[in-house]
């Protein structure tokens, strides 16, 4: 049985969008599943990549903590130094 299309409902906007399940989407879905399976089987969590538009609205932001991985190209140590410095400055003010 082939399902030709599906729909996504955007709750906040009360809008429904139809998605055609064409060959390209099916191939991309299978590739994504394979990639996800490989990540899972490797036992390694890929680093979080911060994307302001997506991350700032995500409910998992505090768990994912993409800022700790790369802040303007810097790594965890630099992030922690900046965070500590900021908190110390707030305490002095």
PDB file of N, CA and C in Angstrom:
ATOM      1  N   UNK A   1       0.848  -1.181   0.000  1.00  0.00           N
ATOM      2  CA  UNK A   1       0.000   0.000   0.000  1.00  0.00           C
ATOM      3  C   UNK A   1       0.892   1.241   0.000  1.00  0.00           C
ATOM      4  N   UNK A   2       0.666   2.144  -0.898  1.00  0.00           N
ATOM      5  CA  UNK A   2       1.428   3.374  -1.001  1.00  0.00           C
ATOM      6  C   UNK A   2       0.577   4.537  -0.512  1.00  0.00           C
ATOM      7  N   UNK A   3       1.159   5.344   0.359  1.00  0.00           N
ATOM      8  CA  UNK A   3       0.472   6.534   0.860  1.00  0.00           C
ATOM      9  C   UNK A   3       1.018   7.719   0.060  1.00  0.00           C
ATOM     10  N   UNK A   4       0.176   8.385  -0.742  1.00  0.00           N
ATOM     11  CA  UNK A   4       0.666   9.441  -1.630  1.00  0.00           C
ATOM     12  C   UNK A   4       0.972  10.769  -0.939  1.00  0.00           C
ATOM     13  N   UNK A   5       0.304  11.073   0.177  1.00  0.00           N
ATOM     14  CA  UNK A   5       0.552  12.348   0.846  1.00  0.00           C
ATOM     15  C   UNK A   5       0.113  12.285   2.304  1.00  0.00           C
ATOM     16  N   UNK A   6       0.559  13.284   3.052  1.00  0.00           N
ATOM     17  CA  UNK A   6       0.183  13.414   4.447  1.00  0.00           C
ATOM     18  C   UNK A   6      -0.028  14.879   4.749  1.00  0.00           C
ATOM     19  N   UNK A   7      -0.386  15.177   5.987  1.00  0.00           N
ATOM     20  CA  UNK A   7      -0.617  16.562   6.367  1.00  0.00           C
ATOM     21  C   UNK A   7       0.066  16.862   7.691  1.00  0.00           C
ATOM     22  N   UNK A   8       0.551  18.100   7.802  1.00  0.00           N
ATOM     23  CA  UNK A   8       1.135  18.604   9.036  1.00  0.00           C
ATOM     24  C   UNK A   8       0.210  19.707   9.523  1.00  0.00           C
ATOM     25  N   UNK A   9      -0.147  19.621  10.807  1.00  0.00           N
ATOM     26  CA  UNK A   9      -1.024  20.633  11.389  1.00  0.00           C
ATOM     27  C   UNK A   9      -0.205  21.503  12.341  1.00  0.00           C
ATOM     28  N   UNK A  10      -0.201  22.807  12.099  1.00  0.00           N
ATOM     29  CA  UNK A  10       0.500  23.767  12.939  1.00  0.00           C
ATOM     30  C   UNK A  10      -0.497  24.328  13.940  1.00  0.00           C
ATOM     31  N   UNK A  11      -0.388  23.881  15.193  1.00  0.00           N
ATOM     32  CA  UNK A  11      -1.374  24.197  16.213  1.00  0.00           C
ATOM     33  C   UNK A  11      -1.488  25.691  16.480  1.00  0.00           C
ATOM     34  N   UNK A  12      -0.363  26.370  16.682  1.00  0.00           N
ATOM     35  CA  UNK A  12      -0.411  27.795  17.015  1.00  0.00           C
ATOM     36  C   UNK A  12      -1.044  28.625  15.903  1.00  0.00           C
ATOM     37  N   UNK A  13      -0.826  28.235  14.685  1.00  0.00           N
ATOM     38  CA  UNK A  13      -1.338  29.006  13.545  1.00  0.00           C
ATOM     39  C   UNK A  13      -2.662  28.467  13.022  1.00  0.00           C
ATOM     40  N   UNK A  14      -3.114  27.336  13.565  1.00  0.00           N
ATOM     41  CA  UNK A  14      -4.355  26.676  13.116  1.00  0.00           C
ATOM     42  C   UNK A  14      -4.343  26.523  11.596  1.00  0.00           C
ATOM     43  N   UNK A  15      -3.250  25.936  11.125  1.00  0.00           N
ATOM     44  CA  UNK A  15      -3.050  25.801   9.682  1.00  0.00           C
ATOM     45  C   UNK A  15      -2.584  24.386   9.379  1.00  0.00           C
ATOM     46  N   UNK A  16      -3.093  23.845   8.300  1.00  0.00           N
ATOM     47  CA  UNK A  16      -2.738  22.498   7.866  1.00  0.00           C
ATOM     48  C   UNK A  16      -2.045  22.594   6.505  1.00  0.00           C
ATOM     49  N   UNK A  17      -0.949  21.825   6.355  1.00  0.00           N
ATOM     50  CA  UNK A  17      -0.203  21.829   5.109  1.00  0.00           C
ATOM     51  C   UNK A  17      -0.085  20.401   4.591  1.00  0.00           C
ATOM     52  N   UNK A  18      -0.366  20.223   3.319  1.00  0.00           N
ATOM     53  CA  UNK A  18      -0.244  18.902   2.703  1.00  0.00           C
ATOM     54  C   UNK A  18       1.185  18.686   2.227  1.00  0.00           C
ATOM     55  N   UNK A  19       1.676  17.466   2.428  1.00  0.00           N
ATOM     56  CA  UNK A  19       3.027  17.089   2.016  1.00  0.00           C
ATOM     57  C   UNK A  19       2.915  15.893   1.076  1.00  0.00           C
ATOM     58  N   UNK A  20       3.485  16.027  -0.111  1.00  0.00           N
ATOM     59  CA  UNK A  20       3.484  14.939  -1.077  1.00  0.00           C
ATOM     60  C   UNK A  20       4.632  13.986  -0.756  1.00  0.00           C
ATOM     61  N   UNK A  21       4.321  12.713  -0.613  1.00  0.00           N
ATOM     62  CA  UNK A  21       5.337  11.700  -0.327  1.00  0.00           C
ATOM     63  C   UNK A  21       5.905  11.172  -1.646  1.00  0.00           C
ATOM     64  N   UNK A  22       6.696  12.017  -2.291  1.00  0.00           N
ATOM     65  CA  UNK A  22       7.269  11.642  -3.578  1.00  0.00           C
ATOM     66  C   UNK A  22       8.549  10.823  -3.386  1.00  0.00           C
ATOM     67  N   UNK A  23       9.133  10.402  -4.488  1.00  0.00           N
ATOM     68  CA  UNK A  23      10.337   9.567  -4.454  1.00  0.00           C
ATOM     69  C   UNK A  23      11.486  10.260  -3.744  1.00  0.00           C
ATOM     70  N   UNK A  24      11.657  11.551  -3.991  1.00  0.00           N
ATOM     71  CA  UNK A  24      12.749  12.309  -3.372  1.00  0.00           C
ATOM     72  C   UNK A  24      12.593  12.356  -1.850  1.00  0.00           C
ATOM     73  N   UNK A  25      11.381  12.620  -1.361  1.00  0.00           N
ATOM     74  CA  UNK A  25      11.157  12.673   0.077  1.00  0.00           C
ATOM     75  C   UNK A  25      11.361  11.300   0.720  1.00  0.00           C
ATOM     76  N   UNK A  26      10.908  10.259   0.041  1.00  0.00           N
ATOM     77  CA  UNK A  26      11.087   8.906   0.567  1.00  0.00           C
ATOM     78  C   UNK A  26      12.581   8.555   0.659  1.00  0.00           C
ATOM     79  N   UNK A  27      13.364   8.924  -0.358  1.00  0.00           N
ATOM     80  CA  UNK A  27      14.804   8.649  -0.355  1.00  0.00           C
ATOM     81  C   UNK A  27      15.491   9.433   0.766  1.00  0.00           C
ATOM     82  N   UNK A  28      15.111  10.694   0.943  1.00  0.00           N
ATOM     83  CA  UNK A  28      15.685  11.522   2.004  1.00  0.00           C
ATOM     84  C   UNK A  28      15.326  10.956   3.381  1.00  0.00           C
ATOM     85  N   UNK A  29      14.114  10.454   3.526  1.00  0.00           N
ATOM     86  CA  UNK A  29      13.679   9.859   4.790  1.00  0.00           C
ATOM     87  C   UNK A  29      14.490   8.604   5.108  1.00  0.00           C
ATOM     88  N   UNK A  30      14.690   7.762   4.125  1.00  0.00           N
ATOM     89  CA  UNK A  30      15.480   6.538   4.326  1.00  0.00           C
ATOM     90  C   UNK A  30      16.927   6.892   4.668  1.00  0.00           C
ATOM     91  N   UNK A  31      17.489   7.898   3.988  1.00  0.00           N
ATOM     92  CA  UNK A  31      18.865   8.329   4.279  1.00  0.00           C
ATOM     93  C   UNK A  31      18.966   8.872   5.708  1.00  0.00           C
ATOM     94  N   UNK A  32      17.961   9.612   6.143  1.00  0.00           N
ATOM     95  CA  UNK A  32      17.946  10.160   7.502  1.00  0.00           C
ATOM     96  C   UNK A  32      17.851   9.042   8.532  1.00  0.00           C
ATOM     97  N   UNK A  33      17.034   8.058   8.269  1.00  0.00           N
ATOM     98  CA  UNK A  33      16.919   6.899   9.165  1.00  0.00           C
ATOM     99  C   UNK A  33      18.255   6.169   9.258  1.00  0.00           C
ATOM    100  N   UNK A  34      18.895   5.943   8.126  1.00  0.00           N
ATOM    101  CA  UNK A  34      20.202   5.266   8.111  1.00  0.00           C
ATOM    102  C   UNK A  34      21.245   6.067   8.898  1.00  0.00           C
ATOM    103  N   UNK A  35      21.262   7.377   8.677  1.00  0.00           N
ATOM    104  CA  UNK A  35      22.213   8.246   9.378  1.00  0.00           C
ATOM    105  C   UNK A  35      21.962   8.218  10.885  1.00  0.00           C
ATOM    106  N   UNK A  36      20.703   8.291  11.275  1.00  0.00           N
ATOM    107  CA  UNK A  36      20.334   8.248  12.692  1.00  0.00           C
ATOM    108  C   UNK A  36      20.729   6.914  13.313  1.00  0.00           C
ATOM    109  N   UNK A  37      20.505   5.842  12.590  1.00  0.00           N
ATOM    110  CA  UNK A  37      20.881   4.506  13.072  1.00  0.00           C
ATOM    111  C   UNK A  37      22.402   4.417  13.272  1.00  0.00           C
ATOM    112  N   UNK A  38      23.161   4.969  12.329  1.00  0.00           N
ATOM    113  CA  UNK A  38      24.626   4.961  12.448  1.00  0.00           C
ATOM    114  C   UNK A  38      25.096   5.755  13.663  1.00  0.00           C
ATOM    115  N   UNK A  39      24.480   6.912  13.905  1.00  0.00           N
ATOM    116  CA  UNK A  39      24.834   7.713  15.077  1.00  0.00           C
ATOM    117  C   UNK A  39      24.538   6.921  16.347  1.00  0.00           C
ATOM    118  N   UNK A  40      23.362   6.309  16.412  1.00  0.00           N
ATOM    119  CA  UNK A  40      22.972   5.537  17.587  1.00  0.00           C
ATOM    120  C   UNK A  40      23.939   4.380  17.831  1.00  0.00           C
ATOM    121  N   UNK A  41      24.257   3.656  16.779  1.00  0.00           N
ATOM    122  CA  UNK A  41      25.138   2.496  16.911  1.00  0.00           C
ATOM    123  C   UNK A  41      26.570   2.883  17.269  1.00  0.00           C
ATOM    124  N   UNK A  42      26.983   4.100  16.921  1.00  0.00           N
ATOM    125  CA  UNK A  42      28.346   4.543  17.248  1.00  0.00           C
ATOM    126  C   UNK A  42      28.492   4.850  18.738  1.00  0.00           C
ATOM    127  N   UNK A  43      27.373   5.134  19.407  1.00  0.00           N
ATOM    128  CA  UNK A  43      27.419   5.462  20.827  1.00  0.00           C
ATOM    129  C   UNK A  43      27.929   6.867  21.101  1.00  0.00           C
ATOM    130  N   UNK A  44      28.108   7.673  20.073  1.00  0.00           N
ATOM    131  CA  UNK A  44      28.616   9.036  20.209  1.00  0.00           C
ATOM    132  C   UNK A  44      27.489  10.035  19.938  1.00  0.00           C
ATOM    133  N   UNK A  45      27.338  10.992  20.822  1.00  0.00           N
ATOM    134  CA  UNK A  45      26.353  12.046  20.609  1.00  0.00           C
ATOM    135  C   UNK A  45      27.005  13.145  19.785  1.00  0.00           C
ATOM    136  N   UNK A  46      26.418  13.500  18.655  1.00  0.00           N
ATOM    137  CA  UNK A  46      27.025  14.565  17.851  1.00  0.00           C
ATOM    138  C   UNK A  46      26.927  15.900  18.585  1.00  0.00           C
ATOM    139  N   UNK A  47      27.865  16.812  18.350  1.00  0.00           N
ATOM    140  CA  UNK A  47      27.815  18.103  19.029  1.00  0.00           C
ATOM    141  C   UNK A  47      26.599  18.909  18.600  1.00  0.00           C
ATOM    142  N   UNK A  48      26.071  19.665  19.550  1.00  0.00           N
ATOM    143  CA  UNK A  48      24.941  20.539  19.249  1.00  0.00           C
ATOM    144  C   UNK A  48      25.443  21.722  18.428  1.00  0.00           C
ATOM    145  N   UNK A  49      24.670  22.135  17.469  1.00  0.00           N
ATOM    146  CA  UNK A  49      25.001  23.288  16.651  1.00  0.00           C
ATOM    147  C   UNK A  49      23.928  24.339  16.899  1.00  0.00           C
ATOM    148  N   UNK A  50      24.322  25.509  17.386  1.00  0.00           N
ATOM    149  CA  UNK A  50      23.372  26.561  17.724  1.00  0.00           C
ATOM    150  C   UNK A  50      22.879  27.272  16.472  1.00  0.00           C
ATOM    151  N   UNK A  51      21.575  27.347  16.347  1.00  0.00           N
ATOM    152  CA  UNK A  51      20.916  28.079  15.268  1.00  0.00           C
ATOM    153  C   UNK A  51      19.867  28.949  15.948  1.00  0.00           C
ATOM    154  N   UNK A  52      20.147  30.242  16.081  1.00  0.00           N
ATOM    155  CA  UNK A  52      19.287  31.158  16.839  1.00  0.00           C
ATOM    156  C   UNK A  52      17.817  31.024  16.484  1.00  0.00           C
ATOM    157  N   UNK A  53      17.524  30.995  15.207  1.00  0.00           N
ATOM    158  CA  UNK A  53      16.126  30.950  14.757  1.00  0.00           C
ATOM    159  C   UNK A  53      15.409  29.698  15.280  1.00  0.00           C
ATOM    160  N   UNK A  54      16.105  28.584  15.284  1.00  0.00           N
ATOM    161  CA  UNK A  54      15.489  27.334  15.729  1.00  0.00           C
ATOM    162  C   UNK A  54      15.658  27.119  17.230  1.00  0.00           C
ATOM    163  N   UNK A  55      16.870  27.319  17.724  1.00  0.00           N
ATOM    164  CA  UNK A  55      17.192  26.957  19.111  1.00  0.00           C
ATOM    165  C   UNK A  55      16.460  27.802  20.144  1.00  0.00           C
ATOM    166  N   UNK A  56      16.362  29.098  19.923  1.00  0.00           N
ATOM    167  CA  UNK A  56      15.761  29.972  20.932  1.00  0.00           C
ATOM    168  C   UNK A  56      14.284  29.671  21.169  1.00  0.00           C
ATOM    169  N   UNK A  57      13.639  28.994  20.245  1.00  0.00           N
ATOM    170  CA  UNK A  57      12.225  28.647  20.394  1.00  0.00           C
ATOM    171  C   UNK A  57      12.013  27.187  20.805  1.00  0.00           C
ATOM    172  N   UNK A  58      13.111  26.452  20.993  1.00  0.00           N
ATOM    173  CA  UNK A  58      13.027  25.023  21.265  1.00  0.00           C
ATOM    174  C   UNK A  58      12.844  24.759  22.760  1.00  0.00           C
ATOM    175  N   UNK A  59      11.954  23.847  23.088  1.00  0.00           N
ATOM    176  CA  UNK A  59      11.710  23.500  24.492  1.00  0.00           C
ATOM    177  C   UNK A  59      12.866  22.715  25.103  1.00  0.00           C
ATOM    178  N   UNK A  60      13.784  22.211  24.299  1.00  0.00           N
ATOM    179  CA  UNK A  60      14.915  21.419  24.800  1.00  0.00           C
ATOM    180  C   UNK A  60      16.208  22.230  24.916  1.00  0.00           C
ATOM    181  N   UNK A  61      16.123  23.544  24.745  1.00  0.00           N
ATOM    182  CA  UNK A  61      17.319  24.392  24.748  1.00  0.00           C
ATOM    183  C   UNK A  61      18.153  24.200  26.013  1.00  0.00           C
ATOM    184  N   UNK A  62      17.514  24.140  27.190  1.00  0.00           N
ATOM    185  CA  UNK A  62      18.254  23.996  28.447  1.00  0.00           C
ATOM    186  C   UNK A  62      18.903  22.628  28.593  1.00  0.00           C
ATOM    187  N   UNK A  63      18.362  21.631  27.935  1.00  0.00           N
ATOM    188  CA  UNK A  63      18.931  20.289  27.995  1.00  0.00           C
ATOM    189  C   UNK A  63      20.050  20.136  26.963  1.00  0.00           C
ATOM    190  N   UNK A  64      19.814  20.621  25.772  1.00  0.00           N
ATOM    191  CA  UNK A  64      20.757  20.494  24.662  1.00  0.00           C
ATOM    192  C   UNK A  64      21.995  21.367  24.883  1.00  0.00           C
ATOM    193  N   UNK A  65      21.776  22.591  25.355  1.00  0.00           N
ATOM    194  CA  UNK A  65      22.830  23.563  25.633  1.00  0.00           C
ATOM    195  C   UNK A  65      23.791  23.752  24.452  1.00  0.00           C
ATOM    196  N   UNK A  66      23.291  24.141  23.303  1.00  0.00           N
ATOM    197  CA  UNK A  66      24.185  24.295  22.149  1.00  0.00           C
ATOM    198  C   UNK A  66      25.239  25.372  22.345  1.00  0.00           C
ATOM    199  N   UNK A  67      24.987  26.328  23.236  1.00  0.00           N
ATOM    200  CA  UNK A  67      25.982  27.376  23.489  1.00  0.00           C
ATOM    201  C   UNK A  67      27.249  26.813  24.115  1.00  0.00           C
ATOM    202  N   UNK A  68      27.148  25.695  24.832  1.00  0.00           N
ATOM    203  CA  UNK A  68      28.327  25.156  25.489  1.00  0.00           C
ATOM    204  C   UNK A  68      29.282  24.501  24.510  1.00  0.00           C
ATOM    205  N   UNK A  69      28.798  24.129  23.349  1.00  0.00           N
ATOM    206  CA  UNK A  69      29.655  23.466  22.372  1.00  0.00           C
ATOM    207  C   UNK A  69      30.433  24.470  21.531  1.00  0.00           C
ATOM    208  N   UNK A  70      29.757  25.446  21.015  1.00  0.00           N
ATOM    209  CA  UNK A  70      30.418  26.438  20.168  1.00  0.00           C
ATOM    210  C   UNK A  70      29.747  27.787  20.361  1.00  0.00           C
ATOM    211  N   UNK A  71      30.486  28.725  20.871  1.00  0.00           N
ATOM    212  CA  UNK A  71      29.997  30.094  20.991  1.00  0.00           C
ATOM    213  C   UNK A  71      30.924  30.945  20.134  1.00  0.00           C
ATOM    214  N   UNK A  72      30.416  31.400  19.028  1.00  0.00           N
ATOM    215  CA  UNK A  72      31.234  32.182  18.089  1.00  0.00           C
ATOM    216  C   UNK A  72      32.536  31.463  17.737  1.00  0.00           C
ATOM    217  N   UNK A  73      32.453  30.146  17.575  1.00  0.00           N
ATOM    218  CA  UNK A  73      33.618  29.378  17.187  1.00  0.00           C
ATOM    219  C   UNK A  73      34.479  28.909  18.350  1.00  0.00           C
ATOM    220  N   UNK A  74      34.139  29.302  19.576  1.00  0.00           N
ATOM    221  CA  UNK A  74      34.928  28.895  20.739  1.00  0.00           C
ATOM    222  C   UNK A  74      34.343  27.624  21.351  1.00  0.00           C
ATOM    223  N   UNK A  75      35.125  26.978  22.196  1.00  0.00           N
ATOM    224  CA  UNK A  75      34.714  25.717  22.786  1.00  0.00           C
ATOM    225  C   UNK A  75      34.261  25.901  24.231  1.00  0.00           C
ATOM    226  N   UNK A  76      34.000  24.819  24.884  1.00  0.00           N
ATOM    227  CA  UNK A  76      33.430  24.799  26.219  1.00  0.00           C
ATOM    228  C   UNK A  76      34.215  25.660  27.203  1.00  0.00           C
ATOM    229  N   UNK A  77      35.532  25.547  27.217  1.00  0.00           N
ATOM    230  CA  UNK A  77      36.348  26.308  28.165  1.00  0.00           C
ATOM    231  C   UNK A  77      36.075  27.807  28.038  1.00  0.00           C
ATOM    232  N   UNK A  78      36.054  28.279  26.813  1.00  0.00           N
ATOM    233  CA  UNK A  78      35.822  29.708  26.571  1.00  0.00           C
ATOM    234  C   UNK A  78      34.420  30.108  27.024  1.00  0.00           C
ATOM    235  N   UNK A  79      33.446  29.259  26.757  1.00  0.00           N
ATOM    236  CA  UNK A  79      32.071  29.527  27.182  1.00  0.00           C
ATOM    237  C   UNK A  79      32.014  29.641  28.701  1.00  0.00           C
ATOM    238  N   UNK A  80      32.635  28.694  29.401  1.00  0.00           N
ATOM    239  CA  UNK A  80      32.597  28.696  30.866  1.00  0.00           C
ATOM    240  C   UNK A  80      33.317  29.922  31.419  1.00  0.00           C
ATOM    241  N   UNK A  81      34.439  30.297  30.846  1.00  0.00           N
ATOM    242  CA  UNK A  81      35.146  31.492  31.303  1.00  0.00           C
ATOM    243  C   UNK A  81      34.267  32.729  31.163  1.00  0.00           C
ATOM    244  N   UNK A  82      33.615  32.860  30.040  1.00  0.00           N
ATOM    245  CA  UNK A  82      32.731  34.003  29.820  1.00  0.00           C
ATOM    246  C   UNK A  82      31.556  33.985  30.783  1.00  0.00           C
ATOM    247  N   UNK A  83      31.000  32.815  31.009  1.00  0.00           N
ATOM    248  CA  UNK A  83      29.856  32.674  31.903  1.00  0.00           C
ATOM    249  C   UNK A  83      30.249  33.036  33.343  1.00  0.00           C
ATOM    250  N   UNK A  84      31.389  32.545  33.805  1.00  0.00           N
ATOM    251  CA  UNK A  84      31.872  32.852  35.156  1.00  0.00           C
ATOM    252  C   UNK A  84      32.181  34.340  35.281  1.00  0.00           C
ATOM    253  N   UNK A  85      32.852  34.880  34.289  1.00  0.00           N
ATOM    254  CA  UNK A  85      33.183  36.307  34.298  1.00  0.00           C
ATOM    255  C   UNK A  85      31.912  37.152  34.377  1.00  0.00           C
ATOM    256  N   UNK A  86      30.908  36.793  33.618  1.00  0.00           N
ATOM    257  CA  UNK A  86      29.638  37.534  33.614  1.00  0.00           C
ATOM    258  C   UNK A  86      28.980  37.473  34.990  1.00  0.00           C
ATOM    259  N   UNK A  87      28.952  36.277  35.595  1.00  0.00           N
ATOM    260  CA  UNK A  87      28.335  36.138  36.907  1.00  0.00           C
ATOM    261  C   UNK A  87      29.100  36.898  37.979  1.00  0.00           C
ATOM    262  N   UNK A  88      30.425  36.881  37.913  1.00  0.00           N
ATOM    263  CA  UNK A  88      31.225  37.630  38.872  1.00  0.00           C
ATOM    264  C   UNK A  88      30.970  39.123  38.733  1.00  0.00           C
ATOM    265  N   UNK A  89      30.880  39.586  37.508  1.00  0.00           N
ATOM    266  CA  UNK A  89      30.622  41.010  37.265  1.00  0.00           C
ATOM    267  C   UNK A  89      29.259  41.415  37.818  1.00  0.00           C
ATOM    268  N   UNK A  90      28.247  40.543  37.646  1.00  0.00           N
ATOM    269  CA  UNK A  90      26.918  40.822  38.183  1.00  0.00           C
ATOM    270  C   UNK A  90      26.942  40.895  39.704  1.00  0.00           C
ATOM    271  N   UNK A  91      27.747  40.015  40.346  1.00  0.00           N
ATOM    272  CA  UNK A  91      27.861  40.018  41.798  1.00  0.00           C
ATOM    273  C   UNK A  91      28.526  41.298  42.304  1.00  0.00           C
ATOM    274  N   UNK A  92      29.480  41.822  41.534  1.00  0.00           N
ATOM    275  CA  UNK A  92      30.175  43.052  41.934  1.00  0.00           C
ATOM    276  C   UNK A  92      29.307  44.283  41.732  1.00  0.00           C
ATOM    277  N   UNK A  93      28.417  44.219  40.773  1.00  0.00           N
ATOM    278  CA  UNK A  93      27.540  45.377  40.494  1.00  0.00           C
ATOM    279  C   UNK A  93      26.437  45.420  41.487  1.00  0.00           C
TER     280      UNK A  93
END
